[in-house]
Amino acid sequence: MLVLLPATVFHLLLVARSGPARLLAPPPYLPGLEELWSPPALLLLFIWLGLQVALYLLPARKVAEGLELKDKSRLRYPINGFQALVLTALLVGLGLLAGLPLGALPGMLLPLAFATTVTSFIFSFLLYAKALVAPASALAPGGNSGNPLYDFFLGRELNPRLGSFDFKYFCELRPGLIGWVFINLALLMQEVELRGSPSLAMCLVNGFQLLYVGDALWYEESVLTTMDIIHDGFGFMLAFGDLAWVPFTYSLQAQFLLYHPQPLGLPMALLICLIKVIGYYIFRGANSQKNTFRKNPSDPSVAGLETIPTATGRQLLVSGWWGMVRHPNYLGDLIMALAWSLPCGVSHLLPYFYLFYFTALLVHREARDEQQCLHKYGHAWQEYCKRVPYRIIPYVY
């Protein structure tokens, strides 16, 4: 995985700009070090990371507490990700008025990805070294196997921090996710420079993915109960995933459309928008219902839902969205992923890479969820599975 993940990123970047744009074909050429290494790209990366760190450190509209740790303490997290997105947009807007050549960014994606990959490896080594002197109570459940390579990949320490600065929480939703939005914008601006106006397909991809990122940052507090935060250590898997994989592979549809424009009529665009709306409705409805129930089971919006009591004292929702399938939020996510890809047409597999990858990721994550919930809730979880037999897609899976 240490080799395959970076190789996949560079493969996608290379084939997206190639003539055939074949997902399963080898790239048209292998770039040399002179094409990959670029001091300006490295400088741009550090400026970007520095900006996001500065925005993270600004006063937050809210400070939330995470779940209880092994030592019974709770960490505090600033909830200002959406604020960071808005301020970044304002700064980029001012930069564009001052002549910032954002449209030149697509030509730098390859050296930027290389700089980010190298930085991710160095960052992961530092995280691993820090974890070697961390107390046992600070280690993640799965990242302290004793196998250095495995632990380097998964991450030994659960919540590595420097003072109050939480590295994992910062990387989870900030530099990569916000960077994805502005890479998309740069690709749209480059399309305008090449063709005079943005295509309808490019506008849909930009709009859909901006909504997804904006939603994630608006509901930033909900990430504190996800597997990434409460269970997984912070090692190469998450560091590379957050910093490199997200911005350079999630922008694949916009990259494809820049080099391979696709005609899109208004009726088809409206149908794709409907698919997106359905996916978002399921995704947001399921997540909001879960988060509301966790915070206050007596809230009028969830008080009437049927539940199953557990030995831990918590309740399992068995009606509403969570009575339809066990992971309705994953279903909404997959429908939205389909909507992002459809503007690219159906002549190439490449724009659908995200859908294939995300399906595999969510099926794997769902399997991990099932194991943990069975271990945590025991008989109550078995009863829930009998009541709700389908995992992600009703009557299918």
Protein backbone atom coordinates (compact mmCIF):
# COMPACT_ATOMS: atom_id res chain seq x y z
CA MET A 1 0.00 0.00 0.00
CA LEU A 2 2.92 2.34 0.67
CA VAL A 3 3.84 1.98 -3.01
CA LEU A 4 0.43 1.32 -4.56
CA LEU A 5 -1.37 4.40 -3.20
CA PRO A 6 1.16 7.01 -4.47
CA ALA A 7 1.52 5.08 -7.74
CA THR A 8 -2.26 5.21 -8.22
CA VAL A 9 -2.32 8.97 -7.71
CA PHE A 10 0.36 9.52 -10.37
CA HIS A 11 -1.27 7.00 -12.71
CA LEU A 12 -4.58 8.88 -12.55
CA LEU A 13 -2.93 12.27 -13.04
CA LEU A 14 -1.06 11.00 -16.11
CA VAL A 15 -3.90 9.13 -17.81
CA ALA A 16 -6.41 11.95 -17.19
CA ARG A 17 -4.41 14.23 -19.47
CA SER A 18 -3.58 11.55 -22.03
CA GLY A 19 -5.48 11.14 -25.29
CA PRO A 20 -7.05 7.71 -24.66
CA ALA A 21 -7.67 8.39 -20.92
CA ARG A 22 -7.94 4.68 -20.20
CA LEU A 23 -8.19 3.80 -16.55
CA LEU A 24 -6.76 0.28 -16.94
CA ALA A 25 -4.08 1.08 -19.53
CA PRO A 26 -0.51 2.05 -18.57
CA PRO A 27 0.20 5.79 -18.52
CA PRO A 28 1.48 7.26 -21.78
CA TYR A 29 4.92 7.87 -20.27
CA LEU A 30 6.76 7.85 -16.96
CA PRO A 31 7.83 11.35 -15.88
CA GLY A 32 11.43 11.94 -14.91
CA LEU A 33 12.59 13.60 -11.73
CA GLU A 34 13.02 16.90 -13.55
CA GLU A 35 9.28 16.91 -14.28
CA LEU A 36 8.27 15.79 -10.78
CA TRP A 37 10.56 17.96 -8.68
CA SER A 38 9.67 21.65 -8.58
CA PRO A 39 10.76 24.09 -5.86
CA PRO A 40 7.84 26.43 -6.71
CA ALA A 41 5.40 23.52 -6.20
CA LEU A 42 6.98 22.70 -2.84
CA LEU A 43 6.81 26.37 -1.83
CA LEU A 44 3.15 26.55 -2.89
CA LEU A 45 2.39 23.45 -0.82
CA PHE A 46 4.03 24.94 2.29
CA ILE A 47 2.22 28.26 1.80
CA TRP A 48 -1.07 26.36 1.53
CA LEU A 49 -0.39 24.28 4.64
CA GLY A 50 0.75 27.37 6.54
CA LEU A 51 -2.41 29.23 5.57
CA GLN A 52 -4.64 26.39 6.75
CA VAL A 53 -2.71 26.09 10.03
CA ALA A 54 -3.18 29.84 10.60
CA LEU A 55 -6.92 29.58 9.90
CA TYR A 56 -7.17 26.57 12.24
CA LEU A 57 -5.62 28.63 15.04
CA LEU A 58 -8.08 31.51 14.67
CA PRO A 59 -10.78 31.84 17.34
CA ALA A 60 -13.50 29.25 16.70
CA ARG A 61 -17.25 29.80 16.83
CA LYS A 62 -17.39 26.72 19.06
CA VAL A 63 -15.01 24.36 20.86
CA ALA A 64 -16.29 20.78 21.09
CA GLU A 65 -15.21 17.89 23.28
CA GLY A 66 -14.36 14.53 21.76
CA LEU A 67 -15.37 11.14 23.09
CA GLU A 68 -13.88 9.86 26.33
CA LEU A 69 -10.37 8.39 25.94
CA LYS A 70 -8.73 5.45 27.71
CA ASP A 71 -7.51 7.70 30.51
CA LYS A 72 -11.06 9.14 30.96
CA SER A 73 -10.05 12.53 29.56
CA ARG A 74 -11.70 14.34 26.64
CA LEU A 75 -9.83 16.37 24.05
CA ARG A 76 -11.13 19.73 22.85
CA TYR A 77 -11.43 20.64 19.18
CA PRO A 78 -12.05 24.00 17.46
CA ILE A 79 -15.09 23.95 15.18
CA ASN A 80 -14.01 26.49 12.56
CA GLY A 81 -13.57 24.46 9.37
CA PHE A 82 -16.37 26.23 7.47
CA GLN A 83 -14.90 29.53 8.60
CA ALA A 84 -11.56 28.39 7.13
CA LEU A 85 -13.26 27.56 3.81
CA VAL A 86 -14.96 30.99 3.61
CA LEU A 87 -11.79 32.89 4.55
CA THR A 88 -9.75 30.87 2.05
CA ALA A 89 -12.30 31.70 -0.65
CA LEU A 90 -12.09 35.40 0.24
CA LEU A 91 -8.28 35.34 0.10
CA VAL A 92 -8.28 33.50 -3.23
CA GLY A 93 -10.88 35.94 -4.56
CA LEU A 94 -8.70 38.89 -3.57
CA GLY A 95 -5.74 37.14 -5.14
CA LEU A 96 -7.61 36.71 -8.42
CA LEU A 97 -8.47 40.42 -8.44
CA ALA A 98 -4.77 41.13 -7.92
CA GLY A 99 -3.82 38.88 -10.83
CA LEU A 100 -3.26 35.49 -9.14
CA PRO A 101 -2.80 33.00 -12.02
CA LEU A 102 -5.01 30.27 -10.55
CA GLY A 103 -5.59 28.87 -14.02
CA ALA A 104 -1.93 27.83 -14.10
CA LEU A 105 -2.45 25.39 -11.22
CA PRO A 106 -3.55 22.44 -13.43
CA GLY A 107 -0.13 22.47 -15.06
CA MET A 108 1.46 22.06 -11.62
CA LEU A 109 -0.61 19.12 -10.40
CA LEU A 110 2.09 16.53 -11.11
CA PRO A 111 4.91 18.29 -9.18
CA LEU A 112 2.43 19.31 -6.48
CA ALA A 113 1.39 15.69 -6.02
CA PHE A 114 5.06 14.68 -5.85
CA ALA A 115 5.84 17.35 -3.24
CA THR A 116 2.78 16.33 -1.22
CA THR A 117 3.71 12.65 -1.38
CA VAL A 118 7.27 13.30 -0.19
CA THR A 119 5.94 15.57 2.56
CA SER A 120 3.45 12.88 3.62
CA PHE A 121 6.23 10.30 3.98
CA ILE A 122 8.42 12.66 6.03
CA PHE A 123 5.44 13.73 8.16
CA SER A 124 4.53 10.06 8.76
CA PHE A 125 8.08 9.25 9.87
CA LEU A 126 7.93 12.13 12.37
CA LEU A 127 4.56 10.92 13.63
CA TYR A 128 5.94 7.41 14.07
CA ALA A 129 8.98 8.73 15.96
CA LYS A 130 6.74 10.82 18.22
CA ALA A 131 4.56 7.78 18.94
CA LEU A 132 7.59 5.80 20.14
CA VAL A 133 7.76 7.99 23.24
CA ALA A 134 3.99 8.37 23.71
CA PRO A 135 2.38 6.73 26.77
CA ALA A 136 0.53 3.45 26.23
CA SER A 137 -2.80 5.18 26.90
CA ALA A 138 -2.22 7.43 23.86
CA LEU A 139 -1.76 4.58 21.37
CA ALA A 140 -4.39 3.52 18.85
CA PRO A 141 -5.99 0.06 19.18
CA GLY A 142 -4.68 -1.19 15.84
CA GLY A 143 -1.43 0.65 15.23
CA ASN A 144 0.81 -0.80 17.93
CA SER A 145 1.29 -4.35 16.63
CA GLY A 146 5.07 -4.30 17.00
CA ASN A 147 5.56 -4.55 13.24
CA PRO A 148 7.25 -1.22 12.35
CA LEU A 149 6.05 -1.15 8.73
CA TYR A 150 2.47 -1.98 9.64
CA ASP A 151 2.43 0.52 12.50
CA PHE A 152 4.00 3.20 10.30
CA PHE A 153 1.19 2.71 7.80
CA LEU A 154 -1.74 2.56 10.23
CA GLY A 155 -0.36 4.99 12.81
CA ARG A 156 0.65 4.19 16.39
CA GLU A 157 -0.66 7.25 18.23
CA LEU A 158 -4.39 7.92 18.27
CA ASN A 159 -4.36 11.71 18.70
CA PRO A 160 -0.88 13.14 18.12
CA ARG A 161 -0.78 16.75 19.26
CA LEU A 162 1.63 19.63 19.66
CA GLY A 163 0.15 21.57 22.52
CA SER A 164 -3.51 21.98 21.60
CA PHE A 165 -2.86 21.53 17.87
CA ASP A 166 -4.30 18.15 16.82
CA PHE A 167 -2.52 16.90 13.69
CA LYS A 168 -5.08 14.25 12.73
CA TYR A 169 -8.11 16.45 13.23
CA PHE A 170 -6.46 19.27 11.27
CA CYS A 171 -5.57 17.04 8.32
CA GLU A 172 -8.92 15.24 8.29
CA LEU A 173 -11.00 18.11 6.87
CA ARG A 174 -8.72 21.07 6.16
CA PRO A 175 -5.81 21.16 3.68
CA GLY A 176 -6.87 18.28 1.41
CA LEU A 177 -10.62 18.82 1.40
CA ILE A 178 -10.43 22.59 0.91
CA GLY A 179 -7.58 22.10 -1.56
CA TRP A 180 -9.82 19.80 -3.61
CA VAL A 181 -12.34 22.64 -4.06
CA PHE A 182 -9.72 25.07 -5.31
CA ILE A 183 -8.08 22.55 -7.63
CA ASN A 184 -11.54 22.09 -9.16
CA LEU A 185 -11.90 25.87 -9.47
CA ALA A 186 -8.50 26.13 -11.12
CA LEU A 187 -9.48 23.46 -13.64
CA LEU A 188 -12.70 25.37 -14.40
CA MET A 189 -10.74 28.60 -14.91
CA GLN A 190 -8.29 26.82 -17.19
CA GLU A 191 -11.25 25.53 -19.22
CA VAL A 192 -12.52 29.10 -19.55
CA GLU A 193 -9.08 30.21 -20.80
CA LEU A 194 -9.01 27.39 -23.35
CA ARG A 195 -12.61 27.45 -24.57
CA GLY A 196 -14.03 30.85 -23.64
CA SER A 197 -16.61 29.63 -21.12
CA PRO A 198 -17.05 26.83 -18.59
CA SER A 199 -18.96 23.76 -19.76
CA LEU A 200 -22.19 22.71 -18.08
CA ALA A 201 -20.53 19.42 -17.07
CA MET A 202 -17.62 21.24 -15.40
CA CYS A 203 -20.02 23.56 -13.56
CA LEU A 204 -22.02 20.60 -12.24
CA VAL A 205 -18.91 18.80 -11.00
CA ASN A 206 -17.64 21.95 -9.29
CA GLY A 207 -21.01 22.70 -7.73
CA PHE A 208 -21.70 19.16 -6.53
CA GLN A 209 -18.29 18.74 -4.94
CA LEU A 210 -18.33 22.22 -3.37
CA LEU A 211 -21.64 21.31 -1.72
CA TYR A 212 -20.09 18.08 -0.40
CA VAL A 213 -17.06 19.87 1.07
CA GLY A 214 -19.16 22.72 2.45
CA ASP A 215 -21.47 20.21 4.13
CA ALA A 216 -18.54 18.33 5.69
CA LEU A 217 -17.09 21.54 7.11
CA TRP A 218 -20.43 22.96 8.26
CA TYR A 219 -21.08 19.75 10.20
CA GLU A 220 -17.43 19.43 11.22
CA GLU A 221 -18.27 18.44 14.79
CA SER A 222 -19.77 15.15 13.58
CA VAL A 223 -16.30 13.95 12.49
CA LEU A 224 -15.41 13.58 16.18
CA THR A 225 -17.48 10.37 16.37
CA THR A 226 -16.11 8.79 13.17
CA MET A 227 -13.81 5.77 13.04
CA ASP A 228 -10.93 7.91 11.77
CA ILE A 229 -10.93 10.00 14.94
CA ILE A 230 -11.98 7.55 17.65
CA HIS A 231 -10.26 4.36 16.48
CA ASP A 232 -7.59 4.77 13.78
CA GLY A 233 -4.08 5.94 14.59
CA PHE A 234 -2.53 8.77 12.62
CA GLY A 235 0.06 7.29 10.30
CA PHE A 236 0.79 7.18 6.59
CA MET A 237 -2.66 5.85 5.69
CA LEU A 238 -4.50 8.92 6.94
CA ALA A 239 -1.70 11.46 6.42
CA PHE A 240 -1.24 10.56 2.74
CA GLY A 241 -4.96 10.04 2.29
CA ASP A 242 -5.89 13.44 3.71
CA LEU A 243 -3.08 15.48 2.15
CA ALA A 244 -2.51 13.81 -1.25
CA TRP A 245 -5.15 11.22 -2.13
CA VAL A 246 -8.16 13.46 -1.52
CA PRO A 247 -7.21 16.59 -3.52
CA PHE A 248 -5.50 14.82 -6.44
CA THR A 249 -7.86 11.87 -6.98
CA TYR A 250 -11.18 13.38 -5.89
CA SER A 251 -10.68 16.13 -8.50
CA LEU A 252 -10.38 13.48 -11.22
CA GLN A 253 -13.74 14.31 -12.85
CA ALA A 254 -12.76 17.97 -13.29
CA GLN A 255 -9.32 16.93 -14.58
CA PHE A 256 -10.96 14.61 -17.11
CA LEU A 257 -13.36 17.29 -18.33
CA LEU A 258 -10.55 19.79 -18.88
CA TYR A 259 -8.73 17.47 -21.27
CA HIS A 260 -11.76 15.56 -22.60
CA PRO A 261 -14.77 17.91 -22.84
CA GLN A 262 -18.13 16.16 -22.87
CA PRO A 263 -21.41 17.47 -24.30
CA LEU A 264 -24.20 17.62 -21.74
CA GLY A 265 -27.75 18.64 -22.59
CA LEU A 266 -30.11 20.37 -20.16
CA PRO A 267 -32.49 17.39 -19.71
CA MET A 268 -29.63 15.06 -18.77
CA ALA A 269 -28.14 17.76 -16.50
CA LEU A 270 -31.48 18.06 -14.68
CA LEU A 271 -31.65 14.28 -14.25
CA ILE A 272 -28.12 14.25 -12.82
CA CYS A 273 -29.08 17.08 -10.45
CA LEU A 274 -32.07 15.01 -9.30
CA ILE A 275 -29.76 12.06 -8.58
CA LYS A 276 -27.48 14.36 -6.60
CA VAL A 277 -30.40 15.77 -4.62
CA ILE A 278 -31.64 12.26 -3.76
CA GLY A 279 -28.16 11.21 -2.64
CA TYR A 280 -27.65 14.33 -0.56
CA TYR A 281 -31.12 14.02 0.99
CA ILE A 282 -30.37 10.48 2.16
CA PHE A 283 -26.82 11.34 3.26
CA ARG A 284 -27.72 14.45 5.23
CA GLY A 285 -30.96 13.05 6.62
CA ALA A 286 -29.26 9.90 7.93
CA ASN A 287 -26.29 11.74 9.43
CA SER A 288 -28.43 14.44 11.02
CA GLN A 289 -30.77 11.85 12.53
CA LYS A 290 -27.82 9.92 13.98
CA ASN A 291 -26.10 13.02 15.35
CA THR A 292 -29.30 14.42 16.87
CA PHE A 293 -30.05 11.08 18.56
CA ARG A 294 -26.52 10.86 19.96
CA LYS A 295 -26.70 14.36 21.41
CA ASN A 296 -30.26 14.27 22.73
CA PRO A 297 -32.45 11.16 22.36
CA SER A 298 -35.36 13.22 23.73
CA ASP A 299 -35.24 15.68 20.83
CA PRO A 300 -38.74 15.84 19.25
CA SER A 301 -37.36 14.91 15.82
CA VAL A 302 -36.04 11.55 17.06
CA ALA A 303 -37.98 10.89 20.30
CA GLY A 304 -40.56 8.76 18.52
CA LEU A 305 -38.08 6.47 16.79
CA GLU A 306 -37.96 2.81 17.78
CA THR A 307 -34.76 1.69 19.52
CA ILE A 308 -33.08 -1.43 20.90
CA PRO A 309 -31.48 -1.13 24.36
CA THR A 310 -27.88 -2.31 24.76
CA ALA A 311 -25.76 -3.49 27.69
CA THR A 312 -23.70 -0.29 27.42
CA GLY A 313 -26.73 1.83 28.30
CA ARG A 314 -26.93 3.30 24.80
CA GLN A 315 -29.78 2.74 22.35
CA LEU A 316 -29.61 1.48 18.76
CA LEU A 317 -31.93 3.18 16.28
CA VAL A 318 -34.04 0.61 14.46
CA SER A 319 -36.44 2.90 12.60
CA GLY A 320 -36.21 6.04 10.52
CA TRP A 321 -33.22 6.10 8.16
CA TRP A 322 -31.40 3.54 10.31
CA GLY A 323 -34.28 1.08 10.01
CA MET A 324 -34.00 1.10 6.22
CA VAL A 325 -30.40 -0.13 6.01
CA ARG A 326 -27.59 -0.31 8.58
CA HIS A 327 -25.53 2.39 6.84
CA PRO A 328 -27.91 4.77 5.02
CA ASN A 329 -25.28 7.52 5.03
CA TYR A 330 -23.05 5.27 2.90
CA LEU A 331 -25.91 4.77 0.45
CA GLY A 332 -26.32 8.53 0.08
CA ASP A 333 -22.56 8.91 -0.36
CA LEU A 334 -22.51 6.39 -3.21
CA ILE A 335 -25.47 8.00 -5.00
CA MET A 336 -23.70 11.37 -4.81
CA ALA A 337 -20.50 9.78 -6.15
CA LEU A 338 -22.48 8.53 -9.15
CA ALA A 339 -23.88 12.03 -9.71
CA TRP A 340 -20.35 13.51 -9.73
CA SER A 341 -19.26 11.07 -12.41
CA LEU A 342 -22.25 11.16 -14.78
CA PRO A 343 -21.45 14.66 -16.19
CA CYS A 344 -18.33 13.04 -17.70
CA GLY A 345 -20.44 10.79 -19.93
CA VAL A 346 -20.22 7.03 -20.23
CA SER A 347 -17.53 6.62 -22.87
CA HIS A 348 -14.68 6.30 -20.34
CA LEU A 349 -14.22 4.37 -17.09
CA LEU A 350 -11.69 6.87 -15.75
CA PRO A 351 -14.15 9.42 -14.28
CA TYR A 352 -15.88 6.55 -12.44
CA PHE A 353 -12.72 5.58 -10.57
CA TYR A 354 -13.94 7.47 -7.51
CA LEU A 355 -17.22 5.52 -7.52
CA PHE A 356 -15.39 2.17 -7.78
CA TYR A 357 -12.83 3.11 -5.14
CA PHE A 358 -15.41 4.58 -2.78
CA THR A 359 -17.64 1.52 -3.08
CA ALA A 360 -14.70 -0.71 -2.07
CA LEU A 361 -13.77 1.69 0.75
CA LEU A 362 -17.29 1.84 2.19
CA VAL A 363 -17.83 -1.93 1.95
CA HIS A 364 -14.54 -2.44 3.82
CA ARG A 365 -15.41 0.25 6.35
CA GLU A 366 -18.87 -1.23 6.81
CA ALA A 367 -17.29 -4.62 7.57
CA ARG A 368 -15.05 -2.99 10.20
CA ASP A 369 -18.08 -1.19 11.64
CA GLU A 370 -19.95 -4.48 11.91
CA GLN A 371 -17.10 -6.16 13.79
CA GLN A 372 -16.72 -3.30 16.24
CA CYS A 373 -20.45 -2.96 16.85
CA LEU A 374 -20.80 -6.71 17.42
CA HIS A 375 -17.96 -6.57 19.94
CA LYS A 376 -19.39 -3.47 21.63
CA TYR A 377 -23.12 -4.23 21.66
CA GLY A 378 -23.19 -8.05 21.48
CA HIS A 379 -26.70 -9.52 21.43
CA ALA A 380 -28.31 -6.12 20.82
CA TRP A 381 -26.34 -5.75 17.58
CA GLN A 382 -27.36 -9.26 16.48
CA GLU A 383 -30.97 -8.31 17.11
CA TYR A 384 -30.49 -5.09 15.11
CA CYS A 385 -29.04 -7.07 12.19
CA LYS A 386 -32.10 -9.35 12.21
CA ARG A 387 -34.42 -6.35 12.18
CA VAL A 388 -32.38 -4.52 9.52
CA PRO A 389 -30.90 -7.22 7.26
CA TYR A 390 -29.51 -4.99 4.51
CA ARG A 391 -26.18 -3.26 5.03
CA ILE A 392 -26.01 -0.44 2.46
CA ILE A 393 -28.40 -0.96 -0.49
CA PRO A 394 -31.97 -2.10 0.32
CA TYR A 395 -32.79 -5.57 -1.07
CA VAL A 396 -29.35 -5.79 -2.72
CA TYR A 397 -26.58 -5.66 -0.08
